Amino acid sequence: MYANVDAYLQDFETAYETVKEVTGVEVKLFRFPGGSVNAYNEKVREGIIEEMSKRGFVYFDWNASLEDAVKKSTPEQLVANGVESTLGRKKIVMLAHDVIYNTGMCLEDLLDRLPEYRMEVLTEDVEPVHF
């Protein structure tokens, strides 16, 4: 997907059309797989950002993480990771993966452990978090 800008755009278009077909939603937000700064997209990330921005898309990175895709962890460990990684920031975009079973199991406890925060939908009007 990061072979070149066109490869990324083709992959994105396939995912975009699938989401649109299944949900009826035309998404405007995206997240780079692996984040906007990673070893795989170093040569193409600026071109991707430029082209996706021209097309009206906004990318988000994250500034906190459950670390749920890094290793198999218990729901309790995922909550601890999430709480620890917020580092007292005012605005948090938490990386969590919906395909990880224990992530779904820990969300209620995570929100209970972070009462000073409220969960909001990311929209085009929200200032994105970038690395």
N, C-alpha and C. Protein backbone atom coordinates (compact mmCIF):
# COMPACT_ATOMS: atom_id res chain seq x y z
N MET A 1 0.82 -1.20 0.00
CA MET A 1 0.00 0.00 0.00
C MET A 1 0.86 1.26 0.00
N TYR A 2 2.07 1.19 0.54
CA TYR A 2 2.94 2.36 0.56
C TYR A 2 4.02 2.31 -0.52
N ALA A 3 3.82 1.49 -1.55
CA ALA A 3 4.80 1.41 -2.64
C ALA A 3 4.95 2.76 -3.33
N ASN A 4 3.83 3.46 -3.50
CA ASN A 4 3.82 4.80 -4.08
C ASN A 4 2.47 5.45 -3.76
N VAL A 5 2.33 6.70 -4.10
CA VAL A 5 1.09 7.43 -3.78
C VAL A 5 -0.11 6.77 -4.44
N ASP A 6 0.03 6.37 -5.70
CA ASP A 6 -1.09 5.75 -6.40
C ASP A 6 -1.53 4.44 -5.74
N ALA A 7 -0.58 3.65 -5.26
CA ALA A 7 -0.93 2.39 -4.58
C ALA A 7 -1.74 2.69 -3.33
N TYR A 8 -1.34 3.71 -2.58
CA TYR A 8 -2.10 4.07 -1.38
C TYR A 8 -3.51 4.53 -1.77
N LEU A 9 -3.59 5.38 -2.77
CA LEU A 9 -4.90 5.91 -3.20
C LEU A 9 -5.82 4.79 -3.67
N GLN A 10 -5.29 3.82 -4.38
CA GLN A 10 -6.10 2.68 -4.83
C GLN A 10 -6.62 1.89 -3.62
N ASP A 11 -5.74 1.62 -2.67
CA ASP A 11 -6.14 0.88 -1.47
C ASP A 11 -7.19 1.66 -0.69
N PHE A 12 -6.97 2.95 -0.55
CA PHE A 12 -7.93 3.80 0.17
C PHE A 12 -9.27 3.80 -0.54
N GLU A 13 -9.26 3.93 -1.86
CA GLU A 13 -10.51 3.98 -2.63
C GLU A 13 -11.32 2.71 -2.44
N THR A 14 -10.66 1.57 -2.42
CA THR A 14 -11.35 0.30 -2.19
C THR A 14 -12.02 0.30 -0.83
N ALA A 15 -11.28 0.70 0.20
CA ALA A 15 -11.84 0.75 1.56
C ALA A 15 -12.96 1.77 1.63
N TYR A 16 -12.77 2.93 1.02
CA TYR A 16 -13.77 3.99 1.03
C TYR A 16 -15.08 3.50 0.42
N GLU A 17 -14.99 2.86 -0.74
CA GLU A 17 -16.20 2.37 -1.42
C GLU A 17 -16.89 1.28 -0.61
N THR A 18 -16.12 0.45 0.05
CA THR A 18 -16.71 -0.60 0.90
C THR A 18 -17.48 0.01 2.06
N VAL A 19 -16.88 0.98 2.73
CA VAL A 19 -17.55 1.65 3.85
C VAL A 19 -18.81 2.34 3.36
N LYS A 20 -18.71 3.02 2.23
CA LYS A 20 -19.87 3.72 1.67
C LYS A 20 -20.99 2.75 1.32
N GLU A 21 -20.64 1.64 0.71
CA GLU A 21 -21.64 0.65 0.30
C GLU A 21 -22.33 0.02 1.52
N VAL A 22 -21.56 -0.30 2.54
CA VAL A 22 -22.11 -1.00 3.71
C VAL A 22 -22.87 -0.05 4.64
N THR A 23 -22.34 1.18 4.82
CA THR A 23 -22.93 2.09 5.81
C THR A 23 -23.72 3.24 5.21
N GLY A 24 -23.45 3.55 3.94
CA GLY A 24 -24.06 4.72 3.33
C GLY A 24 -23.36 6.01 3.69
N VAL A 25 -22.26 5.93 4.42
CA VAL A 25 -21.52 7.11 4.87
C VAL A 25 -20.34 7.37 3.95
N GLU A 26 -20.20 8.63 3.55
CA GLU A 26 -19.04 9.05 2.76
C GLU A 26 -18.04 9.66 3.73
N VAL A 27 -17.08 8.87 4.16
CA VAL A 27 -16.12 9.31 5.18
C VAL A 27 -15.22 10.41 4.65
N LYS A 28 -14.79 11.27 5.55
CA LYS A 28 -13.86 12.34 5.20
C LYS A 28 -12.58 12.27 6.04
N LEU A 29 -12.59 11.41 7.06
CA LEU A 29 -11.43 11.26 7.94
C LEU A 29 -10.72 9.96 7.63
N PHE A 30 -9.41 9.95 7.81
CA PHE A 30 -8.66 8.71 7.66
C PHE A 30 -7.47 8.68 8.59
N ARG A 31 -6.99 7.48 8.82
CA ARG A 31 -5.79 7.25 9.62
C ARG A 31 -4.84 6.43 8.78
N PHE A 32 -3.60 6.86 8.73
CA PHE A 32 -2.58 6.07 8.04
C PHE A 32 -2.37 4.76 8.81
N PRO A 33 -2.40 3.61 8.14
CA PRO A 33 -2.01 2.38 8.82
C PRO A 33 -0.57 2.53 9.34
N GLY A 34 -0.40 2.35 10.62
CA GLY A 34 0.91 2.54 11.23
C GLY A 34 1.20 3.98 11.61
N GLY A 35 0.27 4.88 11.38
CA GLY A 35 0.48 6.30 11.67
C GLY A 35 1.07 7.03 10.49
N SER A 36 0.97 8.35 10.52
CA SER A 36 1.45 9.14 9.38
C SER A 36 2.96 9.13 9.24
N VAL A 37 3.65 8.83 10.31
CA VAL A 37 5.12 8.76 10.28
C VAL A 37 5.51 7.34 10.66
N ASN A 38 5.96 6.58 9.67
CA ASN A 38 6.43 5.23 9.95
C ASN A 38 7.47 4.84 8.91
N ALA A 39 8.14 3.75 9.16
CA ALA A 39 9.25 3.32 8.28
C ALA A 39 8.77 2.93 6.89
N TYR A 40 7.50 2.59 6.74
CA TYR A 40 6.99 2.10 5.46
C TYR A 40 6.57 3.23 4.52
N ASN A 41 6.16 4.36 5.06
CA ASN A 41 5.63 5.42 4.18
C ASN A 41 6.53 6.64 4.09
N GLU A 42 7.73 6.53 4.58
CA GLU A 42 8.65 7.67 4.65
C GLU A 42 8.79 8.39 3.30
N LYS A 43 8.87 7.66 2.21
CA LYS A 43 9.11 8.27 0.90
C LYS A 43 7.84 8.81 0.24
N VAL A 44 6.67 8.38 0.73
CA VAL A 44 5.43 8.76 0.04
C VAL A 44 4.45 9.53 0.92
N ARG A 45 4.71 9.65 2.21
CA ARG A 45 3.69 10.25 3.10
C ARG A 45 3.33 11.67 2.72
N GLU A 46 4.29 12.49 2.35
CA GLU A 46 3.97 13.88 2.00
C GLU A 46 3.10 13.94 0.74
N GLY A 47 3.39 13.08 -0.22
CA GLY A 47 2.56 13.02 -1.42
C GLY A 47 1.15 12.53 -1.12
N ILE A 48 1.04 11.57 -0.22
CA ILE A 48 -0.28 11.08 0.18
C ILE A 48 -1.06 12.17 0.89
N ILE A 49 -0.41 12.86 1.81
CA ILE A 49 -1.08 13.94 2.55
C ILE A 49 -1.56 15.01 1.57
N GLU A 50 -0.71 15.39 0.64
CA GLU A 50 -1.06 16.42 -0.34
C GLU A 50 -2.26 15.99 -1.19
N GLU A 51 -2.20 14.78 -1.71
CA GLU A 51 -3.28 14.31 -2.60
C GLU A 51 -4.58 14.10 -1.83
N MET A 52 -4.50 13.51 -0.65
CA MET A 52 -5.71 13.27 0.14
C MET A 52 -6.34 14.60 0.58
N SER A 53 -5.52 15.56 0.92
CA SER A 53 -6.03 16.89 1.30
C SER A 53 -6.73 17.55 0.12
N LYS A 54 -6.15 17.45 -1.07
CA LYS A 54 -6.78 18.00 -2.28
C LYS A 54 -8.16 17.38 -2.49
N ARG A 55 -8.29 16.12 -2.12
CA ARG A 55 -9.56 15.40 -2.30
C ARG A 55 -10.54 15.64 -1.15
N GLY A 56 -10.15 16.47 -0.19
CA GLY A 56 -11.07 16.83 0.89
C GLY A 56 -11.02 15.93 2.11
N PHE A 57 -9.99 15.10 2.22
CA PHE A 57 -9.87 14.20 3.37
C PHE A 57 -8.96 14.80 4.44
N VAL A 58 -9.21 14.43 5.68
CA VAL A 58 -8.45 14.91 6.83
C VAL A 58 -7.89 13.69 7.55
N TYR A 59 -6.58 13.71 7.86
CA TYR A 59 -6.02 12.56 8.57
C TYR A 59 -5.80 12.88 10.04
N PHE A 60 -5.95 11.84 10.83
CA PHE A 60 -5.71 11.91 12.26
C PHE A 60 -4.64 10.90 12.63
N ASP A 61 -3.75 11.28 13.52
CA ASP A 61 -2.89 10.34 14.21
C ASP A 61 -3.46 10.20 15.61
N TRP A 62 -2.71 9.69 16.52
CA TRP A 62 -3.16 9.51 17.90
C TRP A 62 -2.08 10.01 18.83
N ASN A 63 -2.48 10.33 20.06
CA ASN A 63 -1.51 10.77 21.05
C ASN A 63 -1.63 9.96 22.34
N ALA A 64 -2.40 8.89 22.29
CA ALA A 64 -2.50 7.93 23.39
C ALA A 64 -2.88 6.59 22.76
N SER A 65 -2.58 5.51 23.47
CA SER A 65 -2.81 4.19 22.87
C SER A 65 -3.08 3.14 23.93
N LEU A 66 -3.97 2.23 23.59
CA LEU A 66 -4.18 1.05 24.44
C LEU A 66 -3.06 0.04 24.23
N GLU A 67 -2.30 0.20 23.15
CA GLU A 67 -1.25 -0.75 22.76
C GLU A 67 -1.85 -2.15 22.59
N ASP A 68 -3.07 -2.18 22.08
CA ASP A 68 -3.79 -3.44 21.93
C ASP A 68 -3.33 -4.26 20.74
N ALA A 69 -2.67 -3.67 19.78
CA ALA A 69 -2.20 -4.42 18.62
C ALA A 69 -0.74 -4.84 18.77
N VAL A 70 -0.08 -4.36 19.81
CA VAL A 70 1.33 -4.64 20.02
C VAL A 70 1.54 -6.04 20.58
N LYS A 71 0.75 -6.40 21.57
CA LYS A 71 0.87 -7.71 22.20
C LYS A 71 -0.48 -8.09 22.77
N LYS A 72 -0.65 -9.37 23.01
CA LYS A 72 -1.90 -9.84 23.60
C LYS A 72 -1.91 -9.43 25.07
N SER A 73 -2.88 -8.63 25.44
CA SER A 73 -2.97 -8.13 26.81
C SER A 73 -4.36 -8.36 27.36
N THR A 74 -4.44 -8.40 28.66
CA THR A 74 -5.72 -8.52 29.33
C THR A 74 -6.46 -7.19 29.25
N PRO A 75 -7.78 -7.19 29.42
CA PRO A 75 -8.50 -5.92 29.47
C PRO A 75 -7.94 -4.98 30.53
N GLU A 76 -7.53 -5.51 31.67
CA GLU A 76 -6.97 -4.68 32.74
C GLU A 76 -5.68 -4.00 32.30
N GLN A 77 -4.83 -4.72 31.58
CA GLN A 77 -3.58 -4.13 31.09
C GLN A 77 -3.86 -3.07 30.03
N LEU A 78 -4.85 -3.30 29.19
CA LEU A 78 -5.21 -2.31 28.17
C LEU A 78 -5.71 -1.02 28.83
N VAL A 79 -6.51 -1.15 29.87
CA VAL A 79 -6.97 0.04 30.61
C VAL A 79 -5.78 0.77 31.19
N ALA A 80 -4.87 0.04 31.81
CA ALA A 80 -3.68 0.68 32.39
C ALA A 80 -2.87 1.39 31.31
N ASN A 81 -2.70 0.75 30.15
CA ASN A 81 -1.98 1.38 29.04
C ASN A 81 -2.66 2.68 28.61
N GLY A 82 -3.98 2.63 28.47
CA GLY A 82 -4.73 3.81 28.04
C GLY A 82 -4.61 4.95 29.02
N VAL A 83 -4.79 4.65 30.30
CA VAL A 83 -4.71 5.69 31.34
C VAL A 83 -3.31 6.28 31.38
N GLU A 84 -2.29 5.42 31.37
CA GLU A 84 -0.91 5.89 31.45
C GLU A 84 -0.53 6.74 30.24
N SER A 85 -1.01 6.38 29.07
CA SER A 85 -0.58 7.09 27.86
C SER A 85 -1.29 8.43 27.65
N THR A 86 -2.32 8.74 28.43
CA THR A 86 -2.97 10.04 28.27
C THR A 86 -2.06 11.17 28.75
N LEU A 87 -1.20 10.87 29.69
CA LEU A 87 -0.20 11.83 30.18
C LEU A 87 -0.80 13.18 30.59
N GLY A 88 -2.04 13.18 31.02
CA GLY A 88 -2.67 14.41 31.47
C GLY A 88 -3.00 15.41 30.37
N ARG A 89 -2.94 15.00 29.12
CA ARG A 89 -3.27 15.92 28.02
C ARG A 89 -4.74 16.33 28.10
N LYS A 90 -5.03 17.52 27.57
CA LYS A 90 -6.41 18.00 27.55
C LYS A 90 -7.21 17.31 26.45
N LYS A 91 -6.59 17.10 25.31
CA LYS A 91 -7.27 16.49 24.16
C LYS A 91 -6.56 15.19 23.83
N ILE A 92 -7.33 14.12 23.81
CA ILE A 92 -6.77 12.80 23.55
C ILE A 92 -7.44 12.18 22.33
N VAL A 93 -6.62 11.63 21.45
CA VAL A 93 -7.12 10.74 20.41
C VAL A 93 -6.46 9.40 20.71
N MET A 94 -7.28 8.46 21.18
CA MET A 94 -6.79 7.16 21.66
C MET A 94 -6.81 6.14 20.52
N LEU A 95 -5.67 5.50 20.31
CA LEU A 95 -5.60 4.42 19.33
C LEU A 95 -6.10 3.13 19.98
N ALA A 96 -7.11 2.56 19.37
CA ALA A 96 -7.67 1.28 19.82
C ALA A 96 -8.23 0.58 18.59
N HIS A 97 -8.14 -0.71 18.57
CA HIS A 97 -8.53 -1.49 17.39
C HIS A 97 -9.79 -2.30 17.67
N ASP A 98 -10.79 -2.14 16.84
CA ASP A 98 -12.07 -2.81 17.06
C ASP A 98 -12.01 -4.31 16.82
N VAL A 99 -10.98 -4.80 16.18
CA VAL A 99 -10.88 -6.23 15.91
C VAL A 99 -10.21 -7.00 17.06
N ILE A 100 -9.77 -6.30 18.07
CA ILE A 100 -9.14 -6.94 19.23
C ILE A 100 -10.22 -7.18 20.29
N TYR A 101 -10.48 -8.41 20.59
CA TYR A 101 -11.57 -8.76 21.51
C TYR A 101 -11.44 -8.04 22.86
N ASN A 102 -10.26 -8.08 23.46
CA ASN A 102 -10.09 -7.47 24.79
C ASN A 102 -10.27 -5.96 24.78
N THR A 103 -10.10 -5.34 23.63
CA THR A 103 -10.35 -3.89 23.54
C THR A 103 -11.82 -3.61 23.80
N GLY A 104 -12.68 -4.33 23.17
CA GLY A 104 -14.11 -4.16 23.40
C GLY A 104 -14.50 -4.45 24.84
N MET A 105 -13.80 -5.39 25.43
CA MET A 105 -14.11 -5.79 26.81
C MET A 105 -13.68 -4.73 27.83
N CYS A 106 -12.74 -3.85 27.47
CA CYS A 106 -12.21 -2.91 28.45
C CYS A 106 -12.73 -1.49 28.32
N LEU A 107 -13.49 -1.18 27.29
CA LEU A 107 -13.84 0.23 27.03
C LEU A 107 -14.63 0.87 28.17
N GLU A 108 -15.59 0.16 28.73
CA GLU A 108 -16.37 0.75 29.82
C GLU A 108 -15.47 1.05 31.02
N ASP A 109 -14.59 0.13 31.37
CA ASP A 109 -13.67 0.36 32.49
C ASP A 109 -12.71 1.51 32.18
N LEU A 110 -12.26 1.59 30.94
CA LEU A 110 -11.35 2.68 30.55
C LEU A 110 -12.04 4.02 30.74
N LEU A 111 -13.27 4.14 30.27
CA LEU A 111 -13.99 5.41 30.42
C LEU A 111 -14.24 5.73 31.88
N ASP A 112 -14.50 4.73 32.69
CA ASP A 112 -14.68 4.95 34.14
C ASP A 112 -13.40 5.45 34.79
N ARG A 113 -12.24 5.02 34.29
CA ARG A 113 -10.95 5.43 34.85
C ARG A 113 -10.51 6.81 34.37
N LEU A 114 -11.22 7.35 33.39
CA LEU A 114 -10.87 8.67 32.84
C LEU A 114 -12.08 9.61 32.93
N PRO A 115 -12.59 9.86 34.14
CA PRO A 115 -13.82 10.66 34.25
C PRO A 115 -13.65 12.11 33.82
N GLU A 116 -12.43 12.59 33.76
CA GLU A 116 -12.20 13.99 33.36
C GLU A 116 -12.32 14.19 31.85
N TYR A 117 -12.44 13.08 31.11
CA TYR A 117 -12.57 13.15 29.66
C TYR A 117 -13.98 12.76 29.24
N ARG A 118 -14.37 13.24 28.07
CA ARG A 118 -15.62 12.78 27.49
C ARG A 118 -15.32 12.29 26.07
N MET A 119 -16.04 11.29 25.67
CA MET A 119 -15.84 10.72 24.34
C MET A 119 -16.68 11.51 23.34
N GLU A 120 -16.05 11.94 22.27
CA GLU A 120 -16.73 12.68 21.22
C GLU A 120 -16.40 12.07 19.87
N VAL A 121 -17.28 12.26 18.94
CA VAL A 121 -17.07 11.79 17.58
C VAL A 121 -16.05 12.70 16.90
N LEU A 122 -15.10 12.11 16.20
CA LEU A 122 -14.18 12.90 15.39
C LEU A 122 -14.90 13.31 14.12
N THR A 123 -14.82 14.60 13.82
CA THR A 123 -15.43 15.13 12.61
C THR A 123 -14.41 16.02 11.90
N GLU A 124 -14.80 16.51 10.76
CA GLU A 124 -13.93 17.43 10.01
C GLU A 124 -13.70 18.73 10.76
N ASP A 125 -14.57 19.05 11.72
CA ASP A 125 -14.46 20.29 12.47
C ASP A 125 -13.50 20.20 13.66
N VAL A 126 -13.11 18.99 14.02
CA VAL A 126 -12.19 18.77 15.13
C VAL A 126 -10.77 18.95 14.62
N GLU A 127 -9.98 19.73 15.37
CA GLU A 127 -8.58 19.91 14.98
C GLU A 127 -7.85 18.57 15.10
N PRO A 128 -7.27 18.09 14.00
CA PRO A 128 -6.65 16.76 14.06
C PRO A 128 -5.38 16.73 14.91
N VAL A 129 -5.10 15.57 15.43
CA VAL A 129 -3.84 15.29 16.10
C VAL A 129 -2.91 14.70 15.05
N HIS A 130 -1.71 15.27 14.94
CA HIS A 130 -0.69 14.76 14.02
C HIS A 130 0.57 14.49 14.81
N PHE A 131 1.32 13.49 14.36
CA PHE A 131 2.62 13.21 14.98
C PHE A 131 3.55 14.37 14.72
